[in-house]
């Protein structure tokens, strides 16, 4: 009996698919068993209202039965890196297994030997521009910086960065944290400079420092880390946050007070965060299982439900896996169309310049 070439090729392809699927399933079974033997995962700087992480953490614990030790929920990217450095020889509860940091922190931590490589099973669907080719770090989600405003206090809503310099913004404008080490704050200073300097990326960091120095001089800048609680209390009537953090704050406050989340007219900066495993992770199997969970369809949709655009967004959309009601909750796409995604080199340069000069130029550290 003769078989057609087409039928033969189809049979071979199907056999390879079945074999690969079985091998992947066996690998996952081994990884789950090893992670359960370790019994614990230590994460750091993951507030539950950031990107829907509360649901992500609960989902992981429920699915795999591991304990999650949560360190410094309100820390920044710099704090995460310092935690790895400080616990190189420590397998105790203060040593993080995994980190979630701004894009520029991934490559720099890799160069310092602080990370270990691991490629998740969905590796091929992560864009090449958002991952290290050897798997030391890879993008997880992205968003744009927005003005998050207590509209019960600020009556004239700012629509662009220049509005923050107006007299009516006195004692109102804050950053999300320390601009010497926190990625969200560093990118905020960069975005302000990008707007103030007519879109000149190369001079944005320097212009951003001058922008915030002027805010401080006018009395508009509040040296308090702006979060949902300080927004509600009126301590920081206006702060700049990634869209997903601002929208989460709006939802959590349920209209008391009224919170407006505004994409500025200019200086729209998008930011990618990255995941990585510590080179000194006390629970390496649990760390890898955590990565598999985050980059699965299930984990990616959990981030999207928390208003973050997951790094596999295009892949999920192409496969029609995104529920319509989830898409409907996202802000209008118009404000995102003009967003700048700073390159790794631009982010690294901005981080260095802002971190080294903030105290000298602006003079106060948000706390």
Protein backbone atom coordinates (compact mmCIF):
# COMPACT_ATOMS: atom_id res chain seq x y z
CA UNK A 1 0.00 0.00 0.00
CA UNK A 2 1.30 3.45 -0.97
CA UNK A 3 0.83 6.56 1.19
CA UNK A 4 0.77 10.08 -0.24
CA UNK A 5 3.59 12.44 0.74
CA UNK A 6 1.06 14.83 2.24
CA UNK A 7 -0.44 12.13 4.44
CA UNK A 8 2.99 10.89 5.48
CA UNK A 9 4.14 14.43 6.40
CA UNK A 10 0.95 15.03 8.38
CA UNK A 11 1.42 11.77 10.27
CA UNK A 12 5.03 12.61 11.12
CA UNK A 13 4.07 16.14 12.27
CA UNK A 14 1.27 14.78 14.45
CA UNK A 15 3.62 12.19 15.99
CA UNK A 16 6.20 14.87 16.77
CA UNK A 17 3.50 17.10 18.33
CA UNK A 18 2.26 14.28 20.55
CA UNK A 19 5.83 13.39 21.58
CA UNK A 20 6.68 17.03 22.36
CA UNK A 21 3.47 17.53 24.32
CA UNK A 22 4.11 14.39 26.35
CA UNK A 23 7.70 15.46 27.04
CA UNK A 24 6.56 18.92 28.17
CA UNK A 25 3.92 17.38 30.44
CA UNK A 26 6.53 15.07 31.99
CA UNK A 27 8.88 18.02 32.50
CA UNK A 28 6.12 20.01 34.23
CA UNK A 29 5.26 17.04 36.46
CA UNK A 30 8.91 16.81 37.54
CA UNK A 31 9.10 20.57 38.14
CA UNK A 32 5.91 20.58 40.24
CA UNK A 33 7.21 17.67 42.32
CA UNK A 34 10.55 19.41 42.91
CA UNK A 35 8.85 22.70 43.82
CA UNK A 36 6.51 20.97 46.27
CA UNK A 37 9.50 19.33 47.88
CA UNK A 38 11.02 22.80 48.42
CA UNK A 39 7.63 23.89 49.76
CA UNK A 40 8.08 27.65 49.45
CA UNK A 41 8.68 30.57 47.11
CA UNK A 42 10.03 33.96 48.21
CA UNK A 43 8.93 36.99 46.19
CA UNK A 44 9.74 40.66 46.73
CA UNK A 45 8.14 44.05 45.99
CA UNK A 46 4.79 42.71 44.78
CA UNK A 47 1.96 44.81 46.26
CA UNK A 48 -1.35 43.03 45.76
CA UNK A 49 -2.90 45.99 43.93
CA UNK A 50 -0.03 46.16 41.41
CA UNK A 51 -0.95 44.50 38.13
CA UNK A 52 -3.45 42.18 39.83
CA UNK A 53 -0.67 40.44 41.79
CA UNK A 54 -3.01 39.64 44.68
CA UNK A 55 -5.03 37.31 42.45
CA UNK A 56 -1.87 35.96 40.81
CA UNK A 57 -0.32 35.03 44.15
CA UNK A 58 -3.55 33.46 45.43
CA UNK A 59 -3.96 31.52 42.19
CA UNK A 60 -0.44 30.10 42.36
CA UNK A 61 -0.85 29.03 45.98
CA UNK A 62 -4.20 27.39 45.28
CA UNK A 63 -2.95 25.58 42.17
CA UNK A 64 0.31 24.20 43.58
CA UNK A 65 -0.11 24.31 47.37
CA UNK A 66 3.16 26.19 47.99
CA UNK A 67 3.69 28.84 50.64
CA UNK A 68 4.62 32.28 49.31
CA UNK A 69 6.85 34.43 51.48
CA UNK A 70 6.31 38.09 50.51
CA UNK A 71 9.15 40.54 51.18
CA UNK A 72 8.94 44.36 51.17
CA UNK A 73 5.70 44.72 49.13
CA UNK A 74 6.21 48.46 48.59
CA UNK A 75 9.88 48.23 47.54
CA UNK A 76 11.26 49.41 44.21
CA UNK A 77 13.43 47.74 41.58
CA UNK A 78 16.62 48.90 43.28
CA UNK A 79 15.49 47.36 46.56
CA UNK A 80 14.98 44.01 44.82
CA UNK A 81 18.49 44.02 43.39
CA UNK A 82 19.99 45.00 46.74
CA UNK A 83 18.08 42.16 48.43
CA UNK A 84 19.77 39.64 46.11
CA UNK A 85 23.20 41.16 46.79
CA UNK A 86 22.67 41.21 50.54
CA UNK A 87 21.59 37.56 50.69
CA UNK A 88 24.03 35.78 48.37
CA UNK A 89 25.04 33.29 51.05
CA UNK A 90 21.71 33.23 52.85
CA UNK A 91 19.06 30.58 52.27
CA UNK A 92 16.74 32.05 54.89
CA UNK A 93 13.45 33.96 54.49
CA UNK A 94 15.12 37.26 53.51
CA UNK A 95 16.59 35.87 50.27
CA UNK A 96 14.32 36.46 47.23
CA UNK A 97 13.91 33.68 44.68
CA UNK A 98 12.48 35.89 41.93
CA UNK A 99 12.31 39.56 41.02
CA UNK A 100 10.05 41.80 38.95
CA UNK A 101 11.99 44.93 37.95
CA UNK A 102 12.15 47.74 35.41
CA UNK A 103 13.66 46.84 32.04
CA UNK A 104 17.07 48.44 32.64
CA UNK A 105 17.56 46.53 35.90
CA UNK A 106 17.43 43.10 34.19
CA UNK A 107 20.56 43.40 32.01
CA UNK A 108 22.54 45.22 34.72
CA UNK A 109 21.73 42.51 37.28
CA UNK A 110 22.72 39.86 34.73
CA UNK A 111 26.10 41.55 34.17
CA UNK A 112 26.69 41.49 37.92
CA UNK A 113 26.08 37.73 38.04
CA UNK A 114 22.91 38.07 40.11
CA UNK A 115 20.58 36.09 37.82
CA UNK A 116 20.26 32.54 36.50
CA UNK A 117 18.81 31.59 33.11
CA UNK A 118 15.55 29.76 32.56
CA UNK A 119 13.35 29.61 29.46
CA UNK A 120 9.65 29.06 30.09
CA UNK A 121 7.67 26.69 27.88
CA UNK A 122 5.97 29.65 26.14
CA UNK A 123 9.36 31.22 25.35
CA UNK A 124 8.81 31.49 21.60
CA UNK A 125 5.72 33.70 22.05
CA UNK A 126 7.68 36.36 24.01
CA UNK A 127 8.91 39.05 21.55
CA UNK A 128 12.66 38.88 20.93
CA UNK A 129 12.97 42.59 21.74
CA UNK A 130 11.72 41.94 25.28
CA UNK A 131 13.96 39.11 26.41
CA UNK A 132 17.57 38.08 26.88
CA UNK A 133 18.43 35.46 24.25
CA UNK A 134 19.80 33.09 26.90
CA UNK A 135 16.85 33.44 29.27
CA UNK A 136 18.42 35.48 32.08
CA UNK A 137 15.50 37.94 32.02
CA UNK A 138 12.32 38.47 29.99
CA UNK A 139 9.54 41.03 29.77
CA UNK A 140 6.36 40.32 31.68
CA UNK A 141 3.99 43.28 31.12
CA UNK A 142 3.89 46.94 30.14
CA UNK A 143 1.85 50.11 30.61
CA UNK A 144 2.05 53.91 30.23
CA UNK A 145 2.57 56.62 32.83
CA UNK A 146 -0.59 58.52 33.78
CA UNK A 147 -1.70 61.37 36.02
CA UNK A 148 -3.72 59.90 38.88
CA UNK A 149 -5.76 62.67 40.45
CA UNK A 150 -8.02 63.10 43.48
CA UNK A 151 -10.73 65.03 41.62
CA UNK A 152 -12.47 66.03 44.86
CA UNK A 153 -9.42 68.19 45.66
CA UNK A 154 -7.95 69.08 42.26
CA UNK A 155 -10.77 70.82 40.41
CA UNK A 156 -8.89 71.76 37.24
CA UNK A 157 -7.64 68.40 36.03
CA UNK A 158 -4.16 68.48 34.47
CA UNK A 159 -4.03 67.24 30.89
CA UNK A 160 -0.31 67.67 30.24
CA UNK A 161 2.95 67.96 32.17
CA UNK A 162 3.08 71.77 31.91
CA UNK A 163 -0.16 71.94 33.94
CA UNK A 164 1.68 70.56 36.98
CA UNK A 165 3.64 73.83 37.18
CA UNK A 166 0.48 75.96 37.57
CA UNK A 167 -0.27 77.76 40.88
CA UNK A 168 -3.41 75.69 41.48
CA UNK A 169 -1.20 72.59 41.79
CA UNK A 170 0.53 73.92 44.92
CA UNK A 171 1.24 71.12 47.47
CA UNK A 172 -0.31 68.60 45.09
CA UNK A 173 2.25 66.82 42.87
CA UNK A 174 4.06 63.68 44.03
CA UNK A 175 6.15 60.80 42.75
CA UNK A 176 5.37 57.17 43.52
CA UNK A 177 8.63 56.64 45.42
CA UNK A 178 12.36 57.28 45.50
CA UNK A 179 13.58 58.46 42.05
CA UNK A 180 17.11 57.33 42.85
CA UNK A 181 16.13 53.65 42.74
CA UNK A 182 12.44 53.09 41.88
CA UNK A 183 11.80 52.45 38.18
CA UNK A 184 8.30 53.97 38.19
CA UNK A 185 9.65 57.24 39.62
CA UNK A 186 12.73 57.28 37.38
CA UNK A 187 10.54 56.91 34.29
CA UNK A 188 8.21 59.65 35.59
CA UNK A 189 11.09 62.15 35.76
CA UNK A 190 12.17 61.02 32.27
CA UNK A 191 8.62 61.49 30.90
CA UNK A 192 8.30 65.00 32.38
CA UNK A 193 11.60 65.94 30.73
CA UNK A 194 10.55 64.40 27.43
CA UNK A 195 7.50 66.69 27.40
CA UNK A 196 9.32 69.78 28.68
CA UNK A 197 12.15 69.36 26.17
CA UNK A 198 9.97 68.94 23.07
CA UNK A 199 10.49 65.21 22.78
CA UNK A 200 14.29 65.22 22.82
CA UNK A 201 14.97 61.75 24.24
CA UNK A 202 18.69 62.32 24.75
CA UNK A 203 18.07 65.30 27.04
CA UNK A 204 14.90 64.05 28.74
CA UNK A 205 16.50 62.94 32.02
CA UNK A 206 18.32 66.24 32.50
CA UNK A 207 15.20 68.23 31.58
CA UNK A 208 13.13 66.07 33.95
CA UNK A 209 15.39 66.93 36.87
CA UNK A 210 15.03 70.63 36.04
CA UNK A 211 11.24 70.19 35.78
CA UNK A 212 10.99 68.70 39.28
CA UNK A 213 13.43 71.26 40.71
CA UNK A 214 11.06 73.97 39.47
CA UNK A 215 8.08 72.13 40.99
CA UNK A 216 9.93 72.01 44.31
CA UNK A 217 10.83 75.72 44.09
CA UNK A 218 7.19 76.68 43.43
CA UNK A 219 5.93 74.55 46.33
CA UNK A 220 3.94 72.26 44.02
CA UNK A 221 5.99 69.15 44.80
CA UNK A 222 5.05 67.00 47.80
CA UNK A 223 7.97 64.83 49.02
CA UNK A 224 5.67 61.96 49.98
CA UNK A 225 5.44 58.69 48.04
CA UNK A 226 2.09 58.86 46.26
CA UNK A 227 -0.05 55.75 46.69
CA UNK A 228 -3.79 55.03 46.79
CA UNK A 229 -3.97 55.74 50.55
CA UNK A 230 -2.26 59.13 50.27
CA UNK A 231 -4.45 60.00 47.28
CA UNK A 232 -7.57 59.21 49.29
CA UNK A 233 -6.34 61.13 52.33
CA UNK A 234 -5.40 64.15 50.23
CA UNK A 235 -1.74 64.06 51.30
CA UNK A 236 -0.78 63.63 47.65
CA UNK A 237 -3.73 64.91 45.60
CA UNK A 238 -1.97 64.05 42.35
CA UNK A 239 0.68 61.45 41.57
CA UNK A 240 2.09 59.76 38.48
CA UNK A 241 1.65 56.00 38.20
CA UNK A 242 1.64 53.33 35.55
CA UNK A 243 -1.87 53.15 34.11
CA UNK A 244 -2.54 49.77 35.73
CA UNK A 245 -1.65 51.09 39.19
CA UNK A 246 -3.79 54.18 38.71
CA UNK A 247 -6.78 52.19 37.48
CA UNK A 248 -6.41 49.73 40.35
CA UNK A 249 -6.33 52.64 42.83
CA UNK A 250 -9.45 54.10 41.21
CA UNK A 251 -11.29 50.79 41.51
CA UNK A 252 -10.20 50.13 45.09
CA UNK A 253 -11.41 53.56 46.31
CA UNK A 254 -14.83 53.03 44.68
CA UNK A 255 -15.54 56.70 44.09
CA UNK A 256 -14.57 57.87 47.58
CA UNK A 257 -12.84 60.08 46.62
CA UNK A 258 -13.35 60.36 42.88
CA UNK A 259 -10.13 59.37 41.09
CA UNK A 260 -9.36 60.37 37.51
CA UNK A 261 -6.66 58.57 35.49
CA UNK A 262 -5.34 60.73 32.64
CA UNK A 263 -2.90 59.91 29.84
CA UNK A 264 -0.95 63.18 29.27
CA UNK A 265 -1.05 64.88 25.86
CA UNK A 266 2.74 64.77 25.48
CA UNK A 267 5.57 62.90 27.15
CA UNK A 268 3.68 59.60 27.01
CA UNK A 269 6.16 56.98 28.16
CA UNK A 270 5.54 53.24 28.13
CA UNK A 271 7.48 50.91 30.35
CA UNK A 272 8.24 47.20 30.23
CA UNK A 273 8.98 45.30 33.42
CA UNK A 274 10.95 42.05 33.44
CA UNK A 275 11.03 38.84 35.47
CA UNK A 276 14.15 37.01 36.53
CA UNK A 277 15.33 34.29 38.90
CA UNK A 278 18.03 35.05 41.46
CA UNK A 279 21.32 33.27 40.86
CA UNK A 280 21.23 32.45 44.58
CA UNK A 281 17.55 31.41 44.81
CA UNK A 282 16.99 29.16 47.85
CA UNK A 283 14.02 27.57 46.03
CA UNK A 284 15.06 27.28 42.36
CA UNK A 285 12.38 24.75 41.35
CA UNK A 286 9.62 26.87 42.90
CA UNK A 287 11.07 29.90 41.11
CA UNK A 288 10.89 28.12 37.74
CA UNK A 289 7.35 26.92 38.46
CA UNK A 290 6.37 30.50 39.29
CA UNK A 291 7.73 31.61 35.91
CA UNK A 292 5.80 28.88 34.12
CA UNK A 293 2.64 30.03 35.87
CA UNK A 294 3.18 33.72 35.05
CA UNK A 295 3.84 33.06 31.37
CA UNK A 296 1.02 30.56 30.90
CA UNK A 297 -2.21 31.76 29.26
CA UNK A 298 -3.80 31.69 32.71
CA UNK A 299 -1.15 33.87 34.33
CA UNK A 300 -0.99 36.34 31.44
CA UNK A 301 -4.77 36.86 31.55
CA UNK A 302 -4.58 37.49 35.29
CA UNK A 303 -2.19 40.36 34.63
CA UNK A 304 -4.49 41.71 31.92
CA UNK A 305 -7.38 41.57 34.36
CA UNK A 306 -5.22 43.79 36.60
CA UNK A 307 -4.99 46.32 33.70
CA UNK A 308 -1.45 45.33 32.67
CA UNK A 309 -0.73 44.50 29.05
CA UNK A 310 0.99 41.09 29.34
CA UNK A 311 4.04 40.55 27.17
CA UNK A 312 2.25 37.74 25.30
CA UNK A 313 -0.73 40.03 24.58
CA UNK A 314 -0.44 39.73 20.78
CA UNK A 315 -0.15 35.95 20.99
CA UNK A 316 -3.22 35.72 23.23
CA UNK A 317 -5.18 38.04 20.93
CA UNK A 318 -4.22 36.04 17.83
CA UNK A 319 -5.47 32.88 19.51
CA UNK A 320 -8.71 34.68 20.53
CA UNK A 321 -8.09 33.87 24.19
CA UNK A 322 -8.88 37.33 25.60
CA UNK A 323 -12.46 37.62 26.93
CA UNK A 324 -14.42 40.55 25.46
CA UNK A 325 -15.39 41.84 28.90
CA UNK A 326 -11.72 42.00 29.88
CA UNK A 327 -10.86 44.07 26.80
CA UNK A 328 -13.78 46.40 27.53
CA UNK A 329 -12.29 47.31 30.92
CA UNK A 330 -9.09 48.67 29.37
CA UNK A 331 -8.68 52.42 28.69
CA UNK A 332 -9.26 53.76 25.13
CA UNK A 333 -6.41 52.96 22.79
CA UNK A 334 -5.99 56.53 21.47
CA UNK A 335 -3.75 57.73 24.31
CA UNK A 336 -1.43 54.76 23.87
CA UNK A 337 -0.80 55.26 20.16
CA UNK A 338 1.80 58.01 20.72
CA UNK A 339 3.62 56.25 23.56
CA UNK A 340 7.40 56.07 23.47
CA UNK A 341 9.05 52.81 24.50
CA UNK A 342 12.53 53.98 25.62
CA UNK A 343 15.32 51.67 24.52
CA UNK A 344 17.36 49.76 27.06
CA UNK A 345 20.25 52.16 26.51
CA UNK A 346 18.02 55.21 27.01
CA UNK A 347 16.56 53.78 30.20
CA UNK A 348 19.96 52.87 31.61
CA UNK A 349 21.32 56.35 30.88
CA UNK A 350 18.28 57.99 32.48
CA UNK A 351 18.49 55.77 35.56
CA UNK A 352 22.14 56.70 36.07
CA UNK A 353 21.74 60.45 35.54
CA UNK A 354 18.57 60.80 37.63
CA UNK A 355 19.80 58.53 40.40
CA UNK A 356 23.10 60.36 40.77
CA UNK A 357 21.74 63.91 40.51
CA UNK A 358 18.27 63.97 42.10
CA UNK A 359 19.42 65.05 45.57
CA UNK A 360 21.76 67.70 44.18
CA UNK A 361 19.24 69.20 41.73
CA UNK A 362 15.88 68.73 43.48
CA UNK A 363 17.00 68.29 47.08
CA UNK A 364 14.20 66.24 48.67
CA UNK A 365 13.54 62.49 48.68
CA UNK A 366 9.93 61.23 48.64
CA UNK A 367 9.20 59.01 51.63
